[in-house]
Amino acid sequence: RWNSGDDLYERALNMIGVAVGAYPNSYLSEADVIYSLFSIGEKQAQAGWTQSQQAVAMDAMIAAFRVRFPTMRFIFGSMDPQYVAAQGGAWVTVQAALAATPTRVWGTAYANAGASLGQAGDVHYTGPENSTFGGVKYLAAFETL
């Protein structure tokens, strides 16, 4: 759903366009869009994707975004590690593809939640956990770019 022409991909492009267009007197243009935060992988893990399938799809998505936003950098957030470990299989391989993205693609970083943030039994983070994850882990990943 994140490839050129797919619903989430097109929605993201539209949202960036809306954000840039909301400030017509700004010096920013679409060429200046440089960062994007992604939490991705749940549907692919549910579908049983391999690490290679996830990596190929992510790399293609990044390349497609960079056609329109050539300087865009990406930070990918991990799924809840405790949940991933409990599920095993494709959940682990998809998470591994997320983590390895910076070794494959320039201008990417991985925000690793590390030890579980406490939301045992669910792949999604709670509101407070998202604040911790976004405020600490995403910032640490951002600083590597």
Protein backbone atom coordinates (compact mmCIF):
# COMPACT_ATOMS: atom_id res chain seq x y z
CA ARG A 1 0.00 0.00 0.00
CA TRP A 2 3.06 2.23 0.01
CA ASN A 3 4.02 1.97 -3.66
CA SER A 4 3.44 4.66 -6.26
CA GLY A 5 -0.28 4.72 -7.03
CA ASP A 6 -1.31 2.91 -3.84
CA ASP A 7 -3.69 4.55 -1.36
CA LEU A 8 -1.30 5.21 1.54
CA TYR A 9 1.47 6.39 -0.78
CA GLU A 10 -0.86 8.82 -2.55
CA ARG A 11 -2.32 9.98 0.76
CA ALA A 12 1.18 10.76 2.08
CA LEU A 13 2.03 12.72 -1.07
CA ASN A 14 -1.23 14.64 -0.76
CA MET A 15 -0.62 15.42 2.91
CA ILE A 16 2.85 16.78 2.14
CA GLY A 17 1.38 18.91 -0.64
CA VAL A 18 -1.31 20.22 1.71
CA ALA A 19 1.27 21.07 4.37
CA VAL A 20 3.48 22.93 1.90
CA GLY A 21 0.47 24.63 0.28
CA ALA A 22 -0.88 25.81 3.64
CA TYR A 23 1.95 28.31 3.83
CA PRO A 24 2.05 29.96 0.39
CA ASN A 25 4.32 32.77 1.58
CA SER A 26 6.85 30.35 3.03
CA TYR A 27 10.21 29.89 1.40
CA LEU A 28 9.63 26.12 1.51
CA SER A 29 8.68 24.17 -1.56
CA GLU A 30 8.14 20.48 -2.14
CA ALA A 31 11.85 20.22 -2.96
CA ASP A 32 12.58 21.26 0.62
CA VAL A 33 10.64 18.41 2.23
CA ILE A 34 13.44 16.52 3.87
CA TYR A 35 12.18 14.27 6.67
CA SER A 36 9.52 11.65 7.02
CA LEU A 37 8.71 9.41 9.99
CA PHE A 38 7.32 5.98 9.27
CA SER A 39 5.93 3.24 11.43
CA ILE A 40 5.48 0.42 8.99
CA GLY A 41 5.54 -3.37 8.76
CA GLU A 42 2.46 -4.71 10.54
CA LYS A 43 0.49 -5.70 7.43
CA GLN A 44 3.57 -7.22 5.80
CA ALA A 45 4.32 -9.30 8.90
CA GLN A 46 0.71 -10.48 9.01
CA ALA A 47 1.04 -11.51 5.36
CA GLY A 48 4.17 -13.54 6.12
CA TRP A 49 6.67 -11.46 4.18
CA THR A 50 10.34 -12.37 4.20
CA GLN A 51 13.09 -9.94 5.09
CA SER A 52 13.98 -9.69 1.41
CA GLN A 53 10.39 -8.90 0.36
CA GLN A 54 10.14 -6.16 2.97
CA ALA A 55 13.52 -4.69 2.02
CA VAL A 56 12.73 -4.61 -1.70
CA ALA A 57 9.33 -2.98 -1.09
CA MET A 58 10.73 -0.37 1.29
CA ASP A 59 13.60 0.51 -1.01
CA ALA A 60 11.18 0.93 -3.92
CA MET A 61 8.92 3.14 -1.80
CA ILE A 62 11.84 5.35 -0.79
CA ALA A 63 12.97 5.65 -4.41
CA ALA A 64 9.43 6.59 -5.50
CA PHE A 65 9.11 9.31 -2.85
CA ARG A 66 12.49 10.69 -3.84
CA VAL A 67 11.34 11.23 -7.41
CA ARG A 68 9.14 14.05 -6.07
CA PHE A 69 11.13 14.89 -2.92
CA PRO A 70 14.77 14.27 -3.85
CA THR A 71 16.27 15.28 -0.50
CA MET A 72 13.79 13.38 1.66
CA ARG A 73 15.24 11.37 4.51
CA PHE A 74 13.32 8.63 6.27
CA ILE A 75 13.21 7.46 9.86
CA PHE A 76 11.58 4.06 10.31
CA GLY A 77 10.27 3.15 13.76
CA SER A 78 10.34 -0.36 15.12
CA MET A 79 7.25 -2.29 15.99
CA ASP A 80 6.96 -3.17 19.68
CA PRO A 81 9.92 -5.54 20.23
CA GLN A 82 8.16 -7.61 22.89
CA TYR A 83 5.20 -8.20 20.59
CA VAL A 84 7.45 -8.99 17.62
CA ALA A 85 9.46 -11.52 19.63
CA ALA A 86 6.30 -13.19 20.90
CA GLN A 87 4.90 -13.52 17.36
CA GLY A 88 8.17 -14.74 15.84
CA GLY A 89 8.45 -15.71 12.18
CA ALA A 90 7.65 -12.98 9.68
CA TRP A 91 7.34 -10.39 12.44
CA VAL A 92 11.01 -10.86 13.23
CA THR A 93 12.10 -10.82 9.58
CA VAL A 94 10.08 -7.71 8.73
CA GLN A 95 11.49 -5.94 11.80
CA ALA A 96 14.99 -7.00 10.67
CA ALA A 97 14.37 -5.43 7.25
CA LEU A 98 13.32 -2.18 8.94
CA ALA A 99 16.43 -2.19 11.11
CA ALA A 100 18.74 -2.87 8.15
CA THR A 101 17.37 -0.07 5.96
CA PRO A 102 20.21 2.37 6.85
CA THR A 103 22.73 -0.21 5.60
CA ARG A 104 20.95 -0.42 2.25
CA VAL A 105 19.66 3.08 1.52
CA TRP A 106 21.28 6.50 1.95
CA GLY A 107 19.48 9.03 4.11
CA THR A 108 17.56 6.57 6.25
CA ALA A 109 17.62 5.83 9.97
CA TYR A 110 16.00 3.28 12.25
CA ALA A 111 14.39 4.20 15.56
CA ASN A 112 14.67 1.12 17.73
CA ALA A 113 12.28 1.03 20.67
CA GLY A 114 14.76 -1.22 22.47
CA ALA A 115 13.25 -2.87 25.49
CA SER A 116 9.50 -3.03 25.23
CA LEU A 117 7.77 0.16 26.26
CA GLY A 118 5.29 -1.87 28.27
CA GLN A 119 2.47 -2.53 25.83
CA ALA A 120 2.74 -6.30 26.08
CA GLY A 121 0.41 -8.17 23.78
CA ASP A 122 -0.10 -5.46 21.15
CA VAL A 123 1.97 -4.28 18.22
CA HIS A 124 0.72 -0.71 18.69
CA TYR A 125 2.10 1.71 21.24
CA THR A 126 -0.13 3.59 23.68
CA GLY A 127 -0.31 7.39 23.55
CA PRO A 128 2.27 7.87 26.33
CA GLU A 129 4.52 5.24 24.76
CA ASN A 130 4.29 7.03 21.42
CA SER A 131 5.38 10.21 23.16
CA THR A 132 8.38 8.45 24.65
CA PHE A 133 9.17 6.66 21.42
CA GLY A 134 8.75 9.79 19.29
CA GLY A 135 10.42 12.13 21.69
CA VAL A 136 13.44 9.99 22.49
CA LYS A 137 13.92 7.21 19.96
CA TYR A 138 12.96 9.12 16.81
CA LEU A 139 15.11 12.05 17.94
CA ALA A 140 18.09 9.74 18.47
CA ALA A 141 17.58 8.29 14.97
CA PHE A 142 17.19 11.79 13.51
CA GLU A 143 20.54 12.76 14.97
CA THR A 144 22.24 10.01 12.93
CA LEU A 145 21.14 11.52 9.62
